[in-house]
Amino acid sequence: MNKNLSAKKRFGQNFLTDPLLLDQLAKYINPLSSQNFLEIGPGIGALTEHIISEPRKYTAVELDRDLISILEDKFFSKNNFQIINKSILDLDLSNYADRHNKIRLVGNLPYNLSSPILEWCFDQVELIEDMHFMFQKEFAERCAGDENTNSYGKLSVMCKYLCDVSILCEVDRNYFDPVPKVDSSFVKFAPRERPNKKEELNNLKFILPKLFNKKRKKISKTLKDFFSEDDLNTINLDLNLRPDQMNIDQFLDLIKLKRKDG
């Protein structure tokens, strides 16, 4: 890394520089010439240079103004490259992708923005082909968790409803500069097709906090407050379960029911 360049804590910057690791991450991503990429927080462009030669279009979104000239100098010869100096959370993805030309997202994300960035992705998930993100290991395990893991919760269910989630590899903290206090994981999200997604998703966003705010309690009382007993009897769901014992199929059955409050 450039000795005159130091990572900025306020941007949550922890740069990756190991060429072998970056090459491995690029192989997981497997960029193709017909594809449209957007990288969140490219930093000094270490991962960028392992991917950029393949895609038809490559957009880098970087908030740190001090890195813009570095990235412009590094990739000035690449005709497929453009850089945007703004927060990813202020970006409307529909300006860069559509349903027929979806976008692939990649990024070594700042740990403090993992949740809002993932929520931003989920709000526009119909425009996304897939996402490959570096997350804090604990956060990655929450994304990929299921009812058989301690990390299972609201985030796990939401991720599993919208995407097929895979932890591709774990990355030791010593691969980063500066070295963070925790290890990381590289995670792939592949969006699922959901025919009734809008209505089901609204139900899911409504019921998840109701259940997991009482995650040590049986689901029976909470659910009977919002669904009729007759409707609950139509699905294969043991009302003596706790929320963190329910699998994704049981949540899918539940959110297809009509709520009492409409």
Protein backbone atom coordinates (compact mmCIF):
# COMPACT_ATOMS: atom_id res chain seq x y z
CA MET A 1 0.00 0.00 0.00
CA ASN A 2 1.12 3.57 -0.63
CA LYS A 3 3.17 4.63 2.43
CA ASN A 4 1.74 8.14 2.22
CA LEU A 5 -1.81 6.79 2.42
CA SER A 6 -3.33 5.79 5.75
CA ALA A 7 -6.69 4.18 6.35
CA LYS A 8 -9.35 6.43 7.85
CA LYS A 9 -11.22 5.14 10.84
CA ARG A 10 -14.31 7.27 10.12
CA PHE A 11 -14.78 5.40 6.83
CA GLY A 12 -14.17 2.02 8.44
CA GLN A 13 -11.26 1.38 6.08
CA ASN A 14 -9.30 -1.86 6.35
CA PHE A 15 -7.50 -2.49 3.07
CA LEU A 16 -6.73 -5.88 1.53
CA THR A 17 -3.36 -6.08 -0.19
CA ASP A 18 -2.33 -9.75 -0.37
CA PRO A 19 -2.27 -10.67 -4.10
CA LEU A 20 -2.87 -14.39 -3.54
CA LEU A 21 -5.95 -13.76 -1.40
CA LEU A 22 -7.27 -11.16 -3.85
CA ASP A 23 -6.78 -13.59 -6.73
CA GLN A 24 -8.73 -16.23 -4.80
CA LEU A 25 -11.57 -13.80 -4.13
CA ALA A 26 -11.68 -12.91 -7.85
CA LYS A 27 -11.95 -16.61 -8.69
CA TYR A 28 -14.92 -16.92 -6.35
CA ILE A 29 -16.54 -13.93 -8.08
CA ASN A 30 -15.74 -15.27 -11.58
CA PRO A 31 -16.40 -12.10 -13.64
CA LEU A 32 -17.53 -12.54 -17.26
CA SER A 33 -17.28 -10.21 -20.23
CA SER A 34 -21.03 -9.65 -20.62
CA GLN A 35 -21.57 -8.53 -17.04
CA ASN A 36 -22.18 -5.23 -15.28
CA PHE A 37 -20.27 -4.73 -11.99
CA LEU A 38 -20.53 -2.23 -9.17
CA GLU A 39 -17.94 -2.21 -6.40
CA ILE A 40 -18.78 -0.64 -3.05
CA GLY A 41 -15.81 1.09 -1.44
CA PRO A 42 -12.95 0.02 -3.73
CA GLY A 43 -10.39 1.76 -1.50
CA ILE A 44 -7.04 1.66 -3.30
CA GLY A 45 -8.45 -0.63 -6.01
CA ALA A 46 -6.72 -3.84 -4.89
CA LEU A 47 -9.70 -6.10 -5.59
CA THR A 48 -10.75 -3.94 -8.53
CA GLU A 49 -7.62 -4.71 -10.51
CA HIS A 50 -8.24 -8.45 -10.15
CA ILE A 51 -11.73 -8.14 -11.68
CA ILE A 52 -11.87 -5.12 -13.97
CA SER A 53 -10.42 -6.65 -17.14
CA GLU A 54 -13.42 -8.93 -17.68
CA PRO A 55 -16.75 -7.07 -17.20
CA ARG A 56 -18.49 -5.03 -19.87
CA LYS A 57 -18.97 -2.22 -17.35
CA TYR A 58 -17.36 -1.54 -13.98
CA THR A 59 -18.63 1.18 -11.63
CA ALA A 60 -16.74 1.98 -8.43
CA VAL A 61 -18.50 3.90 -5.67
CA GLU A 62 -16.06 5.50 -3.24
CA LEU A 63 -16.94 8.01 -0.51
CA ASP A 64 -13.37 9.00 0.42
CA ARG A 65 -12.39 11.88 -1.89
CA ASP A 66 -8.69 11.32 -1.20
CA LEU A 67 -8.91 7.95 -2.95
CA ILE A 68 -10.62 9.19 -6.11
CA SER A 69 -7.46 10.45 -7.83
CA ILE A 70 -5.62 7.23 -6.91
CA LEU A 71 -8.36 5.15 -8.52
CA GLU A 72 -8.59 7.43 -11.57
CA ASP A 73 -4.83 7.22 -12.12
CA LYS A 74 -4.80 3.47 -11.61
CA PHE A 75 -7.60 2.68 -14.06
CA PHE A 76 -7.51 5.59 -16.52
CA SER A 77 -6.77 3.21 -19.41
CA LYS A 78 -9.84 1.05 -18.71
CA ASN A 79 -12.71 2.06 -21.00
CA ASN A 80 -15.22 0.09 -18.94
CA PHE A 81 -14.41 1.96 -15.70
CA GLN A 82 -16.25 4.83 -14.03
CA ILE A 83 -16.01 6.13 -10.48
CA ILE A 84 -18.65 7.83 -8.37
CA ASN A 85 -17.78 9.86 -5.28
CA LYS A 86 -20.75 9.41 -2.96
CA SER A 87 -22.21 7.15 -0.29
CA ILE A 88 -23.56 3.91 -1.68
CA LEU A 89 -26.67 4.46 0.46
CA ASP A 90 -27.50 7.52 -1.65
CA LEU A 91 -27.21 5.64 -4.94
CA ASP A 92 -30.27 4.61 -6.94
CA LEU A 93 -29.34 1.28 -8.48
CA SER A 94 -31.97 1.66 -11.20
CA ASN A 95 -29.64 4.19 -12.86
CA TYR A 96 -27.06 1.44 -13.37
CA ALA A 97 -29.14 -1.70 -13.85
CA ASP A 98 -32.57 -2.93 -14.85
CA ARG A 99 -34.43 -6.22 -14.74
CA HIS A 100 -32.92 -7.29 -18.08
CA ASN A 101 -29.38 -6.14 -17.31
CA LYS A 102 -28.85 -6.86 -13.65
CA ILE A 103 -25.80 -5.79 -11.73
CA ARG A 104 -23.21 -7.77 -9.78
CA LEU A 105 -22.17 -6.15 -6.51
CA VAL A 106 -18.81 -6.66 -4.82
CA GLY A 107 -17.14 -5.01 -1.87
CA ASN A 108 -14.89 -5.21 1.15
CA LEU A 109 -17.45 -3.43 3.31
CA PRO A 110 -16.85 -1.30 6.40
CA TYR A 111 -18.07 -3.29 9.38
CA ASN A 112 -20.13 -0.40 10.77
CA LEU A 113 -22.15 -0.15 7.55
CA SER A 114 -22.77 -3.85 6.92
CA SER A 115 -26.42 -3.78 8.03
CA PRO A 116 -27.51 -0.58 6.21
CA ILE A 117 -25.72 -1.62 3.02
CA LEU A 118 -27.36 -5.04 3.09
CA GLU A 119 -30.74 -3.42 3.69
CA TRP A 120 -30.04 -1.06 0.76
CA CYS A 121 -29.32 -4.13 -1.40
CA PHE A 122 -32.48 -5.90 -0.28
CA ASP A 123 -34.61 -2.86 -1.12
CA GLN A 124 -33.37 -3.13 -4.74
CA VAL A 125 -32.74 -6.87 -4.90
CA GLU A 126 -34.72 -7.32 -8.14
CA LEU A 127 -31.94 -5.37 -9.94
CA ILE A 128 -29.11 -7.50 -8.54
CA GLU A 129 -27.66 -10.66 -10.08
CA ASP A 130 -25.56 -11.48 -7.02
CA MET A 131 -23.47 -9.92 -4.24
CA HIS A 132 -20.01 -10.87 -3.00
CA PHE A 133 -19.17 -9.05 0.24
CA MET A 134 -16.45 -9.18 2.87
CA PHE A 135 -18.09 -9.04 6.29
CA GLN A 136 -17.05 -9.35 9.88
CA LYS A 137 -17.14 -13.10 10.58
CA GLU A 138 -19.86 -12.84 13.23
CA PHE A 139 -22.09 -10.80 10.91
CA ALA A 140 -21.54 -13.29 8.07
CA GLU A 141 -22.57 -16.15 10.36
CA ARG A 142 -25.75 -14.29 11.24
CA CYS A 143 -26.53 -13.86 7.53
CA ALA A 144 -25.98 -17.55 6.79
CA GLY A 145 -27.33 -18.96 10.06
CA ASP A 146 -30.16 -21.45 10.35
CA GLU A 147 -32.26 -22.90 13.14
CA ASN A 148 -29.40 -25.25 14.08
CA THR A 149 -26.89 -22.46 14.77
CA ASN A 150 -26.48 -19.97 17.62
CA SER A 151 -26.23 -17.10 15.14
CA TYR A 152 -29.80 -17.58 13.81
CA GLY A 153 -32.12 -14.59 14.11
CA LYS A 154 -34.14 -11.97 12.22
CA LEU A 155 -31.29 -11.19 9.85
CA SER A 156 -30.82 -14.89 9.02
CA VAL A 157 -34.48 -15.33 8.08
CA MET A 158 -34.56 -12.18 5.97
CA CYS A 159 -31.38 -13.20 4.14
CA LYS A 160 -32.65 -16.72 3.52
CA TYR A 161 -36.00 -15.46 2.27
CA LEU A 162 -34.43 -13.13 -0.29
CA CYS A 163 -31.19 -14.96 -1.17
CA ASP A 164 -29.25 -18.17 -1.21
CA VAL A 165 -26.39 -17.30 1.17
CA SER A 166 -22.97 -19.01 1.11
CA ILE A 167 -19.88 -18.30 3.20
CA LEU A 168 -17.16 -18.88 0.60
CA CYS A 169 -14.13 -18.53 2.87
CA GLU A 170 -12.92 -17.13 6.16
CA VAL A 171 -10.24 -14.41 6.09
CA ASP A 172 -7.84 -13.92 8.97
CA ARG A 173 -7.63 -10.38 10.37
CA ASN A 174 -3.91 -10.22 9.54
CA TYR A 175 -4.70 -9.97 5.82
CA PHE A 176 -6.01 -6.43 6.42
CA ASP A 177 -4.20 -3.13 6.81
CA PRO A 178 -4.72 -1.85 9.44
CA VAL A 179 -5.38 -5.12 11.26
CA PRO A 180 -8.92 -5.14 12.71
CA LYS A 181 -9.84 -6.78 16.03
CA VAL A 182 -11.90 -9.52 14.36
CA ASP A 183 -11.68 -12.02 11.52
CA SER A 184 -13.79 -11.75 8.38
CA SER A 185 -15.71 -13.95 5.95
CA PHE A 186 -16.32 -13.61 2.22
CA VAL A 187 -20.01 -14.18 1.50
CA LYS A 188 -22.06 -14.72 -1.64
CA PHE A 189 -25.74 -13.71 -1.86
CA ALA A 190 -27.68 -15.05 -4.83
CA PRO A 191 -31.18 -13.48 -4.97
CA ARG A 192 -34.12 -15.87 -5.19
CA GLU A 193 -37.16 -15.50 -7.40
CA ARG A 194 -40.24 -15.03 -5.22
CA PRO A 195 -43.57 -14.77 -7.15
CA ASN A 196 -45.48 -13.07 -4.30
CA LYS A 197 -42.48 -11.33 -2.81
CA LYS A 198 -44.01 -7.92 -2.08
CA GLU A 199 -46.91 -9.16 0.03
CA GLU A 200 -44.89 -11.93 1.68
CA LEU A 201 -41.99 -9.60 2.43
CA ASN A 202 -44.31 -7.11 4.11
CA ASN A 203 -45.67 -9.92 6.27
CA LEU A 204 -42.15 -11.12 7.06
CA LYS A 205 -40.94 -7.64 8.06
CA PHE A 206 -44.01 -7.33 10.29
CA ILE A 207 -43.84 -10.69 12.05
CA LEU A 208 -40.06 -11.15 12.51
CA PRO A 209 -39.59 -8.45 15.17
CA LYS A 210 -42.78 -9.55 16.92
CA LEU A 211 -41.43 -13.08 17.26
CA PHE A 212 -37.74 -12.47 17.85
CA ASN A 213 -38.34 -9.75 20.43
CA LYS A 214 -39.66 -12.68 22.50
CA LYS A 215 -37.31 -15.30 21.09
CA ARG A 216 -37.18 -17.30 24.35
CA LYS A 217 -40.97 -17.62 24.38
CA LYS A 218 -43.17 -20.09 22.52
CA ILE A 219 -44.59 -18.63 19.31
CA SER A 220 -48.20 -19.60 20.11
CA LYS A 221 -49.40 -16.45 21.88
CA THR A 222 -47.63 -14.02 19.55
CA LEU A 223 -48.99 -15.66 16.41
CA LYS A 224 -52.55 -15.94 17.72
CA ASP A 225 -52.52 -12.17 18.22
CA PHE A 226 -52.04 -11.69 14.47
CA PHE A 227 -53.42 -14.80 12.74
CA SER A 228 -56.66 -16.69 13.24
CA GLU A 229 -56.49 -20.11 14.86
CA ASP A 230 -58.19 -21.63 11.80
CA ASP A 231 -55.51 -20.21 9.50
CA LEU A 232 -52.69 -21.37 11.75
CA ASN A 233 -54.20 -24.88 11.69
CA THR A 234 -53.83 -24.97 7.91
CA ILE A 235 -50.04 -24.98 8.06
CA ASN A 236 -47.65 -27.54 9.53
CA LEU A 237 -46.35 -25.48 12.42
CA ASP A 238 -45.78 -26.55 16.01
CA LEU A 239 -46.90 -23.57 18.10
CA ASN A 240 -44.74 -24.75 20.98
CA LEU A 241 -41.59 -23.81 19.06
CA ARG A 242 -39.49 -20.76 19.84
CA PRO A 243 -38.80 -18.39 16.92
CA ASP A 244 -35.16 -19.52 16.67
CA GLN A 245 -36.36 -23.12 16.21
CA MET A 246 -38.43 -22.33 13.12
CA ASN A 247 -36.91 -23.16 9.75
CA ILE A 248 -37.27 -21.03 6.63
CA ASP A 249 -40.03 -23.24 5.20
CA GLN A 250 -42.12 -22.70 8.31
CA PHE A 251 -41.65 -18.95 8.01
CA LEU A 252 -42.65 -19.19 4.34
CA ASP A 253 -45.88 -20.98 5.27
CA LEU A 254 -46.60 -18.43 7.98
CA ILE A 255 -46.14 -15.29 5.87
CA LYS A 256 -48.55 -16.61 3.24
CA LEU A 257 -51.37 -16.32 5.76
CA LYS A 258 -53.56 -13.23 5.93
CA ARG A 259 -53.04 -11.17 9.09
CA LYS A 260 -56.02 -10.18 11.24
CA ASP A 261 -55.09 -6.52 10.84
CA GLY A 262 -54.97 -6.87 7.05
